[in-house]
Structure formats: C-alpha cells, structure tokens
C-alpha cells in the first residue's frame, strides 16, 4: 500500500476516556432511577445521542426529558471529567512520525465539535490533525460509513491509500464500509474479542511501526 493518509477515531482511540464516558452515562442514568454496575454501560462508537434510545428501551425508563436533553446532560457530565482524560500510550510519538513522513492525519468522531474543542483545549492535540470531521456533519453515524467518506473527501484521498484507527465494532464496520483497512486499538482481552474484523490489533501506539502499517 502507498499510505497517504490516516484517520483516527477520538474516544477510546486517541484518548483513553472509556471510564469517563461510562461514568457520565451512569450519573445521568442514576438521576433517572437506574443504577448500572458496568464500567461501560454504553455502546462505543455510535455517539452519545444514539445510546439513549437503547437505554430507554433496555431499562424501561419513564422520563419527560427528550433524547436531546439526555444527550446534553451526558455531555455536561463528561465535560466535568475531561481533566481525568489522558492520551493513549505512544500517540504523540506515533502521530509525529506520521506527519514527519508527510502522511495526512485526520480525526473522525461521532462526538460533537463542542466536545472535540474541549479535549483539544485540555490536551493540546489539535495541531496534529490536518482535518476534523464530527458526527454533526453526517446524517448517519457509525456503523454507517458516512463519517469516513466525508473525512476522505476533505483530504482528497482514495480509500485504498488510507488507514483507520478505531476502538469500536461499529467504527470498524464503518471504516470497512468506506473501503479502508482498519487497525483496532483495544484496552483489554475482553475488548479485544469484539474487534475481530480489524486487519491488525494493537493495545498501544508505541507498538506500531510505519513499516508495519504500510505493509497491510
């Protein structure tokens, strides 16, 4: 492969914020009378708003609040937790190597621009991305391929020359649907088993070389 570009997912891929999003959802669910014992009660990759219809059905939640209001409450709780969010191991070194090799670097996240800006402001990583695509720019989020197709269009790159880094089953499906190969980033063995459709699996960026991904 002549690698010309790389697209990163944000939550759980570039940043280790799985616990923080789990806690944000749990806090809002608790206000609705639902206590969850899972660290990750939500479905990763599909977006905060898209999780709420699932919760309402699963827990038979009765509330006057709209999906939009529940989404906003969740994002407000998450913002409070951003100071606990860290970058995934080896990300800065890896993305620096990509840029030094003149490989374009994009971000494609189901999240909102507001949340992306908050993370950029806290972790100072905006400078590493040539383009950013958020869930607000597409009608259909992951596992549909739309967000990755928009990201490709912004860069003017064919899917055969681009790789995607993802941490969710829905994200991998979306990237594959857009015609790209995918490297799955996993946090533990349980998570690893959900990413079987990835072309390569790694638990940190410091274990990935440019030569290795160029040969996919």
N, C-alpha and C. Protein backbone atom coordinates (compact mmCIF):
# COMPACT_ATOMS: atom_id res chain seq x y z
N UNK A 1 0.83 -1.20 0.00
CA UNK A 1 0.00 0.00 0.00
C UNK A 1 0.87 1.25 0.00
N UNK A 2 0.50 2.21 -0.84
CA UNK A 2 1.11 3.53 -0.78
C UNK A 2 0.28 4.35 0.21
N UNK A 3 0.75 4.39 1.45
CA UNK A 3 -0.01 5.05 2.52
C UNK A 3 0.13 6.57 2.41
N UNK A 4 -1.01 7.23 2.20
CA UNK A 4 -1.01 8.69 2.07
C UNK A 4 -1.71 9.39 3.22
N UNK A 5 -2.58 8.66 3.93
CA UNK A 5 -3.34 9.31 5.00
C UNK A 5 -3.77 8.30 6.05
N UNK A 6 -4.03 8.82 7.24
CA UNK A 6 -4.52 8.02 8.36
C UNK A 6 -5.67 8.78 9.00
N UNK A 7 -6.73 8.05 9.35
CA UNK A 7 -7.86 8.65 10.06
C UNK A 7 -7.96 8.01 11.44
N UNK A 8 -8.02 8.85 12.45
CA UNK A 8 -8.17 8.38 13.83
C UNK A 8 -9.59 8.64 14.34
N UNK A 9 -10.17 7.67 14.99
CA UNK A 9 -11.31 7.91 15.86
C UNK A 9 -10.77 8.64 17.10
N UNK A 10 -11.65 9.27 17.86
CA UNK A 10 -11.18 10.02 19.04
C UNK A 10 -11.35 9.24 20.34
N UNK A 11 -12.58 9.07 20.77
CA UNK A 11 -12.85 8.47 22.09
C UNK A 11 -12.46 7.00 22.13
N UNK A 12 -11.57 6.67 23.05
CA UNK A 12 -11.12 5.29 23.20
C UNK A 12 -10.01 4.91 22.25
N UNK A 13 -9.70 5.77 21.29
CA UNK A 13 -8.63 5.51 20.32
C UNK A 13 -7.47 6.47 20.53
N UNK A 14 -7.71 7.75 20.32
CA UNK A 14 -6.68 8.76 20.60
C UNK A 14 -6.62 9.04 22.10
N UNK A 15 -7.78 9.14 22.73
CA UNK A 15 -7.83 9.42 24.17
C UNK A 15 -8.42 8.24 24.92
N UNK A 16 -7.90 8.02 26.12
CA UNK A 16 -8.40 6.96 27.00
C UNK A 16 -9.49 7.56 27.88
N UNK A 17 -10.72 7.56 27.37
CA UNK A 17 -11.82 8.17 28.12
C UNK A 17 -13.02 7.23 28.26
N UNK A 18 -12.77 5.93 28.12
CA UNK A 18 -13.86 4.96 28.25
C UNK A 18 -14.48 5.03 29.64
N UNK A 19 -13.65 5.11 30.67
CA UNK A 19 -14.16 5.19 32.04
C UNK A 19 -14.97 6.46 32.26
N UNK A 20 -14.48 7.56 31.70
CA UNK A 20 -15.15 8.85 31.90
C UNK A 20 -16.53 8.88 31.23
N UNK A 21 -16.61 8.32 30.03
CA UNK A 21 -17.93 8.27 29.39
C UNK A 21 -18.85 7.30 30.11
N UNK A 22 -18.31 6.19 30.57
CA UNK A 22 -19.11 5.26 31.35
C UNK A 22 -19.67 5.92 32.59
N UNK A 23 -18.83 6.71 33.27
CA UNK A 23 -19.27 7.41 34.47
C UNK A 23 -20.30 8.48 34.15
N UNK A 24 -20.10 9.20 33.04
CA UNK A 24 -21.06 10.24 32.65
C UNK A 24 -22.44 9.64 32.39
N UNK A 25 -22.49 8.54 31.65
CA UNK A 25 -23.77 7.87 31.41
C UNK A 25 -24.38 7.38 32.73
N UNK A 26 -23.54 6.79 33.58
CA UNK A 26 -24.04 6.25 34.85
C UNK A 26 -24.63 7.34 35.73
N UNK A 27 -24.03 8.53 35.74
CA UNK A 27 -24.53 9.64 36.55
C UNK A 27 -25.92 10.07 36.09
N UNK A 28 -26.10 10.16 34.77
CA UNK A 28 -27.41 10.58 34.25
C UNK A 28 -28.44 9.47 34.47
N UNK A 29 -28.04 8.23 34.25
CA UNK A 29 -28.95 7.11 34.49
C UNK A 29 -29.40 7.07 35.95
N UNK A 30 -28.48 7.37 36.86
CA UNK A 30 -28.82 7.37 38.29
C UNK A 30 -29.89 8.41 38.59
N UNK A 31 -29.80 9.57 37.95
CA UNK A 31 -30.82 10.62 38.13
C UNK A 31 -32.19 10.16 37.64
N UNK A 32 -32.18 9.18 36.74
CA UNK A 32 -33.42 8.63 36.20
C UNK A 32 -33.87 7.39 36.96
N UNK A 33 -33.16 7.07 38.05
CA UNK A 33 -33.53 5.93 38.88
C UNK A 33 -32.95 4.61 38.45
N UNK A 34 -31.95 4.65 37.57
CA UNK A 34 -31.32 3.42 37.07
C UNK A 34 -29.89 3.33 37.58
N UNK A 35 -29.57 2.26 38.28
CA UNK A 35 -28.21 2.04 38.77
C UNK A 35 -27.56 0.96 37.90
N UNK A 36 -26.43 1.29 37.29
CA UNK A 36 -25.73 0.32 36.45
C UNK A 36 -24.43 -0.10 37.15
N UNK A 37 -24.09 -1.37 37.01
CA UNK A 37 -22.87 -1.87 37.65
C UNK A 37 -21.72 -2.05 36.67
N UNK A 38 -21.97 -1.73 35.40
CA UNK A 38 -20.93 -1.87 34.39
C UNK A 38 -20.12 -0.59 34.27
N UNK A 39 -18.81 -0.73 34.06
CA UNK A 39 -17.97 0.44 33.82
C UNK A 39 -18.26 1.04 32.45
N UNK A 40 -18.75 0.21 31.54
CA UNK A 40 -19.04 0.66 30.18
C UNK A 40 -20.48 0.30 29.83
N UNK A 41 -21.46 1.04 30.38
CA UNK A 41 -22.86 0.69 30.13
C UNK A 41 -23.33 0.99 28.72
N UNK A 42 -22.55 1.79 27.99
CA UNK A 42 -22.96 2.27 26.68
C UNK A 42 -22.34 1.46 25.54
N UNK A 43 -22.86 1.69 24.34
CA UNK A 43 -22.30 1.10 23.13
C UNK A 43 -21.28 2.07 22.56
N UNK A 44 -20.04 1.64 22.43
CA UNK A 44 -18.98 2.52 21.96
C UNK A 44 -19.08 2.82 20.48
N UNK A 45 -18.67 4.04 20.12
CA UNK A 45 -18.52 4.39 18.72
C UNK A 45 -19.73 5.00 18.04
N UNK A 46 -20.93 4.78 18.59
CA UNK A 46 -22.13 5.21 17.86
C UNK A 46 -22.57 6.62 18.22
N UNK A 47 -22.03 7.20 19.28
CA UNK A 47 -22.42 8.54 19.68
C UNK A 47 -23.29 8.55 20.93
N UNK A 48 -23.23 9.63 21.68
CA UNK A 48 -23.99 9.74 22.93
C UNK A 48 -25.49 9.72 22.65
N UNK A 49 -25.92 10.53 21.70
CA UNK A 49 -27.36 10.61 21.41
C UNK A 49 -27.92 9.25 21.02
N UNK A 50 -27.17 8.50 20.24
CA UNK A 50 -27.65 7.21 19.74
C UNK A 50 -27.76 6.16 20.85
N UNK A 51 -27.08 6.38 21.97
CA UNK A 51 -27.16 5.43 23.08
C UNK A 51 -28.45 5.57 23.88
N UNK A 52 -29.04 6.76 23.89
CA UNK A 52 -30.17 6.97 24.79
C UNK A 52 -31.43 6.19 24.42
N UNK A 53 -31.81 6.05 23.17
CA UNK A 53 -32.95 5.17 22.86
C UNK A 53 -32.70 3.73 23.32
N UNK A 54 -31.45 3.30 23.26
CA UNK A 54 -31.10 1.95 23.72
C UNK A 54 -31.31 1.83 25.22
N UNK A 55 -30.84 2.83 25.98
CA UNK A 55 -31.03 2.83 27.44
C UNK A 55 -32.51 2.86 27.81
N UNK A 56 -33.26 3.72 27.16
CA UNK A 56 -34.68 3.88 27.49
C UNK A 56 -35.43 2.57 27.29
N UNK A 57 -35.11 1.87 26.21
CA UNK A 57 -35.76 0.58 25.96
C UNK A 57 -35.26 -0.50 26.92
N UNK A 58 -33.95 -0.55 27.13
CA UNK A 58 -33.35 -1.60 27.97
C UNK A 58 -33.82 -1.53 29.41
N UNK A 59 -33.89 -0.30 29.96
CA UNK A 59 -34.24 -0.14 31.37
C UNK A 59 -35.68 0.34 31.57
N UNK A 60 -36.46 0.39 30.48
CA UNK A 60 -37.86 0.82 30.56
C UNK A 60 -37.97 2.16 31.29
N UNK A 61 -37.16 3.11 30.88
CA UNK A 61 -37.08 4.41 31.55
C UNK A 61 -38.29 5.27 31.20
N UNK A 62 -38.90 5.84 32.23
CA UNK A 62 -40.00 6.79 32.06
C UNK A 62 -39.48 8.18 32.42
N UNK A 63 -39.46 9.08 31.46
CA UNK A 63 -38.95 10.42 31.71
C UNK A 63 -39.61 11.43 30.77
N UNK A 64 -39.72 12.66 31.25
CA UNK A 64 -40.25 13.74 30.42
C UNK A 64 -39.15 14.37 29.56
N UNK A 65 -37.91 14.00 29.84
CA UNK A 65 -36.79 14.59 29.11
C UNK A 65 -36.70 14.00 27.70
N UNK A 66 -36.33 14.85 26.76
CA UNK A 66 -36.15 14.39 25.39
C UNK A 66 -34.78 13.73 25.23
N UNK A 67 -34.60 13.03 24.12
CA UNK A 67 -33.30 12.44 23.81
C UNK A 67 -32.23 13.52 23.76
N UNK A 68 -32.57 14.66 23.19
CA UNK A 68 -31.61 15.77 23.09
C UNK A 68 -31.21 16.26 24.48
N UNK A 69 -32.18 16.35 25.39
CA UNK A 69 -31.88 16.80 26.75
C UNK A 69 -31.01 15.80 27.49
N UNK A 70 -31.29 14.52 27.32
CA UNK A 70 -30.48 13.48 27.96
C UNK A 70 -29.06 13.47 27.40
N UNK A 71 -28.96 13.71 26.10
CA UNK A 71 -27.64 13.80 25.47
C UNK A 71 -26.85 14.96 26.04
N UNK A 72 -27.49 16.12 26.15
CA UNK A 72 -26.82 17.30 26.70
C UNK A 72 -26.38 17.07 28.14
N UNK A 73 -27.23 16.45 28.94
CA UNK A 73 -26.87 16.15 30.33
C UNK A 73 -25.65 15.24 30.40
N UNK A 74 -25.60 14.24 29.51
CA UNK A 74 -24.46 13.32 29.48
C UNK A 74 -23.18 14.05 29.11
N UNK A 75 -23.26 14.90 28.10
CA UNK A 75 -22.07 15.65 27.67
C UNK A 75 -21.62 16.63 28.75
N UNK A 76 -22.56 17.20 29.48
CA UNK A 76 -22.19 18.10 30.58
C UNK A 76 -21.44 17.34 31.67
N UNK A 77 -21.91 16.13 31.97
CA UNK A 77 -21.22 15.30 32.97
C UNK A 77 -19.84 14.90 32.47
N UNK A 78 -19.75 14.58 31.18
CA UNK A 78 -18.45 14.19 30.61
C UNK A 78 -17.46 15.35 30.68
N UNK A 79 -17.91 16.56 30.38
CA UNK A 79 -17.03 17.72 30.42
C UNK A 79 -16.39 17.89 31.80
N UNK A 80 -17.15 17.59 32.84
CA UNK A 80 -16.62 17.70 34.20
C UNK A 80 -15.47 16.72 34.42
N UNK A 81 -15.47 15.64 33.65
CA UNK A 81 -14.49 14.57 33.83
C UNK A 81 -13.30 14.67 32.89
N UNK A 82 -13.31 15.63 31.96
CA UNK A 82 -12.22 15.75 30.99
C UNK A 82 -10.84 15.89 31.65
N UNK A 83 -10.71 16.57 32.80
CA UNK A 83 -9.39 16.62 33.44
C UNK A 83 -8.81 15.25 33.82
N UNK A 84 -9.64 14.21 33.81
CA UNK A 84 -9.15 12.86 34.10
C UNK A 84 -8.75 12.10 32.83
N UNK A 85 -9.06 12.67 31.67
CA UNK A 85 -8.80 12.00 30.39
C UNK A 85 -7.33 12.11 30.01
N UNK A 86 -6.77 11.03 29.50
CA UNK A 86 -5.37 11.02 29.07
C UNK A 86 -5.28 10.53 27.62
N UNK A 87 -4.14 10.80 27.00
CA UNK A 87 -3.88 10.27 25.67
C UNK A 87 -3.49 8.80 25.75
N UNK A 88 -3.79 8.06 24.72
CA UNK A 88 -3.36 6.67 24.65
C UNK A 88 -1.83 6.61 24.55
N UNK A 89 -1.27 5.57 25.14
CA UNK A 89 0.19 5.42 25.17
C UNK A 89 0.78 5.46 23.77
N UNK A 90 1.80 6.31 23.61
CA UNK A 90 2.54 6.37 22.36
C UNK A 90 1.90 7.19 21.26
N UNK A 91 0.74 7.81 21.52
CA UNK A 91 0.05 8.53 20.44
C UNK A 91 0.87 9.68 19.88
N UNK A 92 1.42 10.53 20.75
CA UNK A 92 2.15 11.71 20.29
C UNK A 92 3.34 11.30 19.43
N UNK A 93 4.09 10.32 19.87
CA UNK A 93 5.26 9.88 19.11
C UNK A 93 4.84 9.29 17.76
N UNK A 94 3.75 8.52 17.77
CA UNK A 94 3.29 7.89 16.53
C UNK A 94 2.77 8.91 15.54
N UNK A 95 1.92 9.83 15.99
CA UNK A 95 1.36 10.83 15.08
C UNK A 95 2.44 11.78 14.57
N UNK A 96 3.45 12.03 15.40
CA UNK A 96 4.58 12.86 14.97
C UNK A 96 5.35 12.17 13.84
N UNK A 97 5.54 10.86 13.97
CA UNK A 97 6.23 10.09 12.93
C UNK A 97 5.43 10.11 11.62
N UNK A 98 4.11 10.02 11.73
CA UNK A 98 3.26 10.09 10.54
C UNK A 98 3.45 11.42 9.82
N UNK A 99 3.40 12.50 10.57
CA UNK A 99 3.50 13.83 9.98
C UNK A 99 4.89 14.07 9.39
N UNK A 100 5.92 13.57 10.06
CA UNK A 100 7.27 13.72 9.53
C UNK A 100 7.45 12.94 8.23
N UNK A 101 6.62 11.90 8.03
CA UNK A 101 6.65 11.12 6.79
C UNK A 101 5.69 11.68 5.75
N UNK A 102 5.15 12.87 6.02
CA UNK A 102 4.24 13.58 5.12
C UNK A 102 2.97 12.78 4.84
N UNK A 103 2.52 12.05 5.85
CA UNK A 103 1.24 11.34 5.79
C UNK A 103 0.17 12.24 6.42
N UNK A 104 -0.92 12.46 5.69
CA UNK A 104 -2.00 13.29 6.22
C UNK A 104 -2.65 12.60 7.42
N UNK A 105 -3.07 13.41 8.38
CA UNK A 105 -3.67 12.88 9.60
C UNK A 105 -5.03 13.54 9.83
N UNK A 106 -6.07 12.73 9.91
CA UNK A 106 -7.42 13.25 10.11
C UNK A 106 -8.05 12.65 11.36
N UNK A 107 -9.05 13.35 11.87
CA UNK A 107 -9.84 12.87 13.01
C UNK A 107 -11.28 12.73 12.54
N UNK A 108 -11.91 11.59 12.85
CA UNK A 108 -13.32 11.38 12.51
C UNK A 108 -14.02 10.80 13.73
N UNK A 109 -14.88 11.59 14.35
CA UNK A 109 -15.50 11.18 15.60
C UNK A 109 -17.01 11.38 15.57
N UNK A 110 -17.74 10.46 16.18
CA UNK A 110 -19.19 10.60 16.30
C UNK A 110 -19.56 11.71 17.26
N UNK A 111 -18.59 12.20 18.01
CA UNK A 111 -18.85 13.23 19.00
C UNK A 111 -19.13 14.59 18.36
N UNK A 112 -19.46 15.56 19.20
CA UNK A 112 -19.77 16.91 18.73
C UNK A 112 -18.51 17.77 18.70
N UNK A 113 -18.57 18.85 17.92
CA UNK A 113 -17.43 19.76 17.85
C UNK A 113 -17.17 20.40 19.22
N UNK A 114 -18.22 20.64 19.98
CA UNK A 114 -18.06 21.22 21.31
C UNK A 114 -17.17 20.34 22.19
N UNK A 115 -17.43 19.05 22.19
CA UNK A 115 -16.62 18.13 22.99
C UNK A 115 -15.21 18.03 22.44
N UNK A 116 -15.09 17.96 21.12
CA UNK A 116 -13.76 17.89 20.50
C UNK A 116 -12.93 19.10 20.90
N UNK A 117 -13.52 20.29 20.86
CA UNK A 117 -12.81 21.51 21.26
C UNK A 117 -12.36 21.45 22.70
N UNK A 118 -13.21 20.93 23.57
CA UNK A 118 -12.84 20.82 24.98
C UNK A 118 -11.64 19.89 25.16
N UNK A 119 -11.62 18.79 24.43
CA UNK A 119 -10.50 17.85 24.51
C UNK A 119 -9.24 18.47 23.91
N UNK A 120 -9.39 19.15 22.78
CA UNK A 120 -8.25 19.84 22.17
C UNK A 120 -7.66 20.87 23.14
N UNK A 121 -8.52 21.64 23.76
CA UNK A 121 -8.04 22.69 24.68
C UNK A 121 -7.30 22.09 25.87
N UNK A 122 -7.77 20.95 26.35
CA UNK A 122 -7.15 20.34 27.53
C UNK A 122 -5.86 19.60 27.19
N UNK A 123 -5.85 18.86 26.08
CA UNK A 123 -4.70 18.01 25.75
C UNK A 123 -3.77 18.62 24.69
N UNK A 124 -4.18 19.74 24.10
CA UNK A 124 -3.34 20.46 23.14
C UNK A 124 -2.91 19.58 21.96
N UNK A 125 -3.88 18.92 21.33
CA UNK A 125 -3.55 18.00 20.23
C UNK A 125 -4.12 18.43 18.88
N UNK A 126 -4.79 19.56 18.83
CA UNK A 126 -5.40 19.99 17.57
C UNK A 126 -4.36 20.13 16.45
N UNK A 127 -3.15 20.54 16.81
CA UNK A 127 -2.11 20.80 15.81
C UNK A 127 -1.69 19.55 15.04
N UNK A 128 -2.02 18.37 15.56
CA UNK A 128 -1.60 17.14 14.91
C UNK A 128 -2.54 16.71 13.77
N UNK A 129 -3.70 17.35 13.64
CA UNK A 129 -4.69 16.91 12.66
C UNK A 129 -4.84 17.90 11.51
N UNK A 130 -4.80 17.35 10.29
CA UNK A 130 -4.99 18.18 9.10
C UNK A 130 -6.47 18.49 8.87
N UNK A 131 -7.34 17.62 9.33
CA UNK A 131 -8.78 17.86 9.21
C UNK A 131 -9.51 17.15 10.34
N UNK A 132 -10.70 17.66 10.65
CA UNK A 132 -11.54 17.07 11.70
C UNK A 132 -12.95 16.93 11.15
N UNK A 133 -13.55 15.77 11.34
CA UNK A 133 -14.94 15.54 10.95
C UNK A 133 -15.69 15.04 12.18
N UNK A 134 -16.82 15.68 12.48
CA UNK A 134 -17.61 15.29 13.66
C UNK A 134 -18.94 14.68 13.22
N UNK A 135 -19.61 14.08 14.19
CA UNK A 135 -20.90 13.46 13.91
C UNK A 135 -21.97 14.43 13.46
N UNK A 136 -21.76 15.71 13.74
CA UNK A 136 -22.73 16.73 13.33
C UNK A 136 -22.73 16.96 11.81
N UNK A 137 -21.72 16.45 11.13
CA UNK A 137 -21.59 16.67 9.69
C UNK A 137 -22.24 15.59 8.84
N UNK A 138 -22.76 14.55 9.48
CA UNK A 138 -23.36 13.45 8.72
C UNK A 138 -24.75 13.12 9.25
N UNK A 139 -25.58 12.58 8.37
CA UNK A 139 -26.94 12.18 8.77
C UNK A 139 -26.94 10.82 9.44
N UNK A 140 -26.00 9.97 9.05
CA UNK A 140 -25.95 8.61 9.59
C UNK A 140 -24.57 8.36 10.20
N UNK A 141 -24.55 8.02 11.48
CA UNK A 141 -23.29 7.80 12.18
C UNK A 141 -22.85 6.34 12.07
N UNK A 142 -21.69 6.05 12.63
CA UNK A 142 -21.18 4.68 12.65
C UNK A 142 -22.26 3.76 13.25
N UNK A 143 -22.48 2.58 12.67
CA UNK A 143 -21.63 1.83 11.75
C UNK A 143 -21.79 2.17 10.26
N UNK A 144 -22.58 3.17 9.94
CA UNK A 144 -22.64 3.61 8.54
C UNK A 144 -21.30 4.28 8.18
N UNK A 145 -20.89 4.21 6.92
CA UNK A 145 -19.55 4.70 6.54
C UNK A 145 -19.45 6.21 6.33
N UNK A 146 -20.57 6.92 6.46
CA UNK A 146 -20.64 8.33 6.05
C UNK A 146 -19.52 9.21 6.60
N UNK A 147 -19.24 9.09 7.90
CA UNK A 147 -18.26 9.99 8.52
C UNK A 147 -16.87 9.79 7.92
N UNK A 148 -16.53 8.55 7.57
CA UNK A 148 -15.23 8.29 6.97
C UNK A 148 -15.18 8.74 5.51
N UNK A 149 -16.30 8.64 4.83
CA UNK A 149 -16.36 9.13 3.45
C UNK A 149 -16.18 10.64 3.40
N UNK A 150 -16.76 11.35 4.37
CA UNK A 150 -16.58 12.80 4.45
C UNK A 150 -15.12 13.13 4.75
N UNK A 151 -14.52 12.39 5.69
CA UNK A 151 -13.11 12.62 6.04
C UNK A 151 -12.20 12.40 4.84
N UNK A 152 -12.46 11.35 4.07
CA UNK A 152 -11.68 11.09 2.86
C UNK A 152 -11.83 12.22 1.85
N UNK A 153 -13.06 12.68 1.69
CA UNK A 153 -13.33 13.75 0.72
C UNK A 153 -12.59 15.03 1.10
N UNK A 154 -12.53 15.33 2.38
CA UNK A 154 -11.83 16.54 2.84
C UNK A 154 -10.35 16.49 2.48
N UNK A 155 -9.78 15.28 2.54
CA UNK A 155 -8.36 15.13 2.25
C UNK A 155 -8.08 14.90 0.78
N UNK A 156 -9.10 14.52 0.01
CA UNK A 156 -8.91 14.21 -1.40
C UNK A 156 -8.11 12.94 -1.60
N UNK A 157 -8.33 11.96 -0.72
CA UNK A 157 -7.56 10.71 -0.75
C UNK A 157 -8.48 9.53 -1.07
N UNK A 158 -7.98 8.58 -1.88
CA UNK A 158 -8.73 7.36 -2.17
C UNK A 158 -8.65 6.43 -0.96
N UNK A 159 -9.72 5.67 -0.69
CA UNK A 159 -9.73 4.79 0.48
C UNK A 159 -8.61 3.75 0.48
N UNK A 160 -8.15 3.35 -0.70
CA UNK A 160 -7.09 2.34 -0.78
C UNK A 160 -5.76 2.86 -0.25
N UNK A 161 -5.63 4.17 -0.10
CA UNK A 161 -4.38 4.77 0.36
C UNK A 161 -4.49 5.32 1.78
N UNK A 162 -5.54 4.89 2.48
CA UNK A 162 -5.78 5.43 3.82
C UNK A 162 -6.07 4.31 4.81
N UNK A 163 -5.58 4.45 6.03
CA UNK A 163 -5.85 3.52 7.12
C UNK A 163 -6.67 4.21 8.20
N UNK A 164 -7.46 3.42 8.91
CA UNK A 164 -8.26 3.95 10.02
C UNK A 164 -7.85 3.27 11.32
N UNK A 165 -7.79 4.06 12.38
CA UNK A 165 -7.57 3.53 13.73
C UNK A 165 -8.87 3.67 14.51
N UNK A 166 -9.37 2.56 15.03
CA UNK A 166 -10.66 2.53 15.71
C UNK A 166 -10.61 1.64 16.95
N UNK A 167 -11.55 1.88 17.87
CA UNK A 167 -11.60 1.05 19.07
C UNK A 167 -12.97 0.40 19.25
N UNK A 168 -13.87 0.56 18.27
CA UNK A 168 -15.21 0.01 18.43
C UNK A 168 -15.61 -0.85 17.24
N UNK A 169 -16.49 -1.80 17.51
CA UNK A 169 -17.01 -2.67 16.46
C UNK A 169 -17.75 -1.86 15.40
N UNK A 170 -18.53 -0.87 15.85
CA UNK A 170 -19.28 -0.04 14.90
C UNK A 170 -18.34 0.81 14.05
N UNK A 171 -17.26 1.28 14.65
CA UNK A 171 -16.28 2.08 13.91
C UNK A 171 -15.55 1.27 12.86
N UNK A 172 -15.20 0.04 13.22
CA UNK A 172 -14.53 -0.85 12.27
C UNK A 172 -15.44 -1.15 11.09
N UNK A 173 -16.71 -1.42 11.38
CA UNK A 173 -17.68 -1.69 10.32
C UNK A 173 -17.83 -0.47 9.40
N UNK A 174 -17.85 0.71 9.99
CA UNK A 174 -17.98 1.94 9.20
C UNK A 174 -16.78 2.15 8.29
N UNK A 175 -15.58 1.94 8.83
CA UNK A 175 -14.36 2.13 8.04
C UNK A 175 -14.27 1.11 6.91
N UNK A 176 -14.64 -0.14 7.21
CA UNK A 176 -14.64 -1.17 6.18
C UNK A 176 -15.66 -0.83 5.09
N UNK A 177 -16.80 -0.30 5.51
CA UNK A 177 -17.83 0.09 4.56
C UNK A 177 -17.38 1.21 3.64
N UNK A 178 -16.43 2.01 4.13
CA UNK A 178 -15.87 3.10 3.32
C UNK A 178 -14.71 2.63 2.46
N UNK A 179 -14.36 1.34 2.56
CA UNK A 179 -13.33 0.77 1.70
C UNK A 179 -11.92 0.83 2.24
N UNK A 180 -11.78 1.01 3.56
CA UNK A 180 -10.44 1.14 4.15
C UNK A 180 -10.10 -0.02 5.07
N UNK A 181 -8.81 -0.25 5.22
CA UNK A 181 -8.34 -1.20 6.21
C UNK A 181 -8.29 -0.52 7.58
N UNK A 182 -8.39 -1.35 8.62
CA UNK A 182 -8.56 -0.80 9.97
C UNK A 182 -7.62 -1.46 10.96
N UNK A 183 -7.03 -0.64 11.81
CA UNK A 183 -6.25 -1.13 12.94
C UNK A 183 -7.08 -0.91 14.19
N UNK A 184 -7.37 -1.99 14.89
CA UNK A 184 -8.17 -1.91 16.11
C UNK A 184 -7.29 -1.66 17.32
N UNK A 185 -7.67 -0.69 18.14
CA UNK A 185 -6.96 -0.37 19.37
C UNK A 185 -7.79 -0.88 20.54
N UNK A 186 -7.26 -1.87 21.28
CA UNK A 186 -8.04 -2.47 22.36
C UNK A 186 -7.45 -2.15 23.73
N UNK A 187 -8.32 -2.19 24.75
CA UNK A 187 -7.89 -1.84 26.11
C UNK A 187 -7.62 -3.06 26.99
N UNK A 188 -8.27 -4.20 26.69
CA UNK A 188 -8.06 -5.42 27.46
C UNK A 188 -8.51 -6.61 26.62
N UNK A 189 -8.34 -7.82 27.15
CA UNK A 189 -8.66 -9.01 26.37
C UNK A 189 -10.15 -9.13 26.04
N UNK A 190 -11.00 -8.69 26.96
CA UNK A 190 -12.44 -8.73 26.71
C UNK A 190 -12.80 -7.81 25.55
N UNK A 191 -12.22 -6.64 25.55
CA UNK A 191 -12.45 -5.67 24.46
C UNK A 191 -11.88 -6.20 23.15
N UNK A 192 -10.73 -6.84 23.22
CA UNK A 192 -10.06 -7.38 22.04
C UNK A 192 -10.98 -8.30 21.24
N UNK A 193 -11.77 -9.11 21.94
CA UNK A 193 -12.62 -10.10 21.28
C UNK A 193 -13.75 -9.47 20.47
N UNK A 194 -14.02 -8.19 20.71
CA UNK A 194 -15.09 -7.51 19.96
C UNK A 194 -14.58 -6.87 18.67
N UNK A 195 -13.27 -6.91 18.46
CA UNK A 195 -12.68 -6.20 17.33
C UNK A 195 -12.12 -7.14 16.27
N UNK A 196 -12.71 -8.31 16.15
CA UNK A 196 -12.17 -9.36 15.27
C UNK A 196 -12.08 -8.96 13.80
N UNK A 197 -12.89 -8.01 13.38
CA UNK A 197 -12.91 -7.65 11.96
C UNK A 197 -11.81 -6.67 11.56
N UNK A 198 -11.01 -6.24 12.53
CA UNK A 198 -9.89 -5.34 12.21
C UNK A 198 -8.80 -6.10 11.47
N UNK A 199 -8.02 -5.38 10.66
CA UNK A 199 -6.93 -6.00 9.91
C UNK A 199 -5.69 -6.21 10.76
N UNK A 200 -5.59 -5.43 11.84
CA UNK A 200 -4.47 -5.53 12.76
C UNK A 200 -4.96 -5.06 14.12
N UNK A 201 -4.49 -5.69 15.19
CA UNK A 201 -4.92 -5.34 16.54
C UNK A 201 -3.73 -4.97 17.41
N UNK A 202 -3.83 -3.84 18.10
CA UNK A 202 -2.76 -3.37 18.97
C UNK A 202 -3.37 -2.76 20.23
N UNK A 203 -2.62 -2.82 21.33
CA UNK A 203 -3.14 -2.21 22.56
C UNK A 203 -2.51 -0.86 22.88
N UNK A 204 -1.56 -0.43 22.06
CA UNK A 204 -0.99 0.91 22.24
C UNK A 204 -0.26 1.33 20.96
N UNK A 205 -0.09 2.63 20.80
CA UNK A 205 0.56 3.14 19.59
C UNK A 205 2.07 2.93 19.60
N UNK A 206 2.65 2.76 20.77
CA UNK A 206 4.10 2.58 20.80
C UNK A 206 4.51 1.18 20.34
N UNK A 207 3.53 0.34 20.00
CA UNK A 207 3.83 -0.99 19.46
C UNK A 207 3.58 -1.06 17.95
N UNK A 208 3.38 0.11 17.33
CA UNK A 208 3.07 0.16 15.90
C UNK A 208 4.17 0.90 15.16
N UNK A 209 4.64 0.32 14.05
CA UNK A 209 5.64 1.00 13.22
C UNK A 209 5.03 1.40 11.89
N UNK A 210 5.59 2.43 11.27
CA UNK A 210 5.11 2.85 9.96
C UNK A 210 5.30 1.75 8.92
N UNK A 211 6.39 1.02 9.04
CA UNK A 211 6.65 -0.07 8.09
C UNK A 211 5.56 -1.13 8.19
N UNK A 212 5.17 -1.45 9.42
CA UNK A 212 4.15 -2.48 9.63
C UNK A 212 2.82 -2.09 9.00
N UNK A 213 2.38 -0.86 9.23
CA UNK A 213 1.06 -0.47 8.71
C UNK A 213 1.10 -0.22 7.20
N UNK A 214 2.25 0.14 6.68
CA UNK A 214 2.37 0.36 5.24
C UNK A 214 2.28 -0.95 4.47
N UNK A 215 2.55 -2.07 5.15
CA UNK A 215 2.52 -3.38 4.51
C UNK A 215 1.18 -4.09 4.63
N UNK A 216 0.19 -3.43 5.21
CA UNK A 216 -1.13 -4.06 5.35
C UNK A 216 -1.80 -4.21 3.97
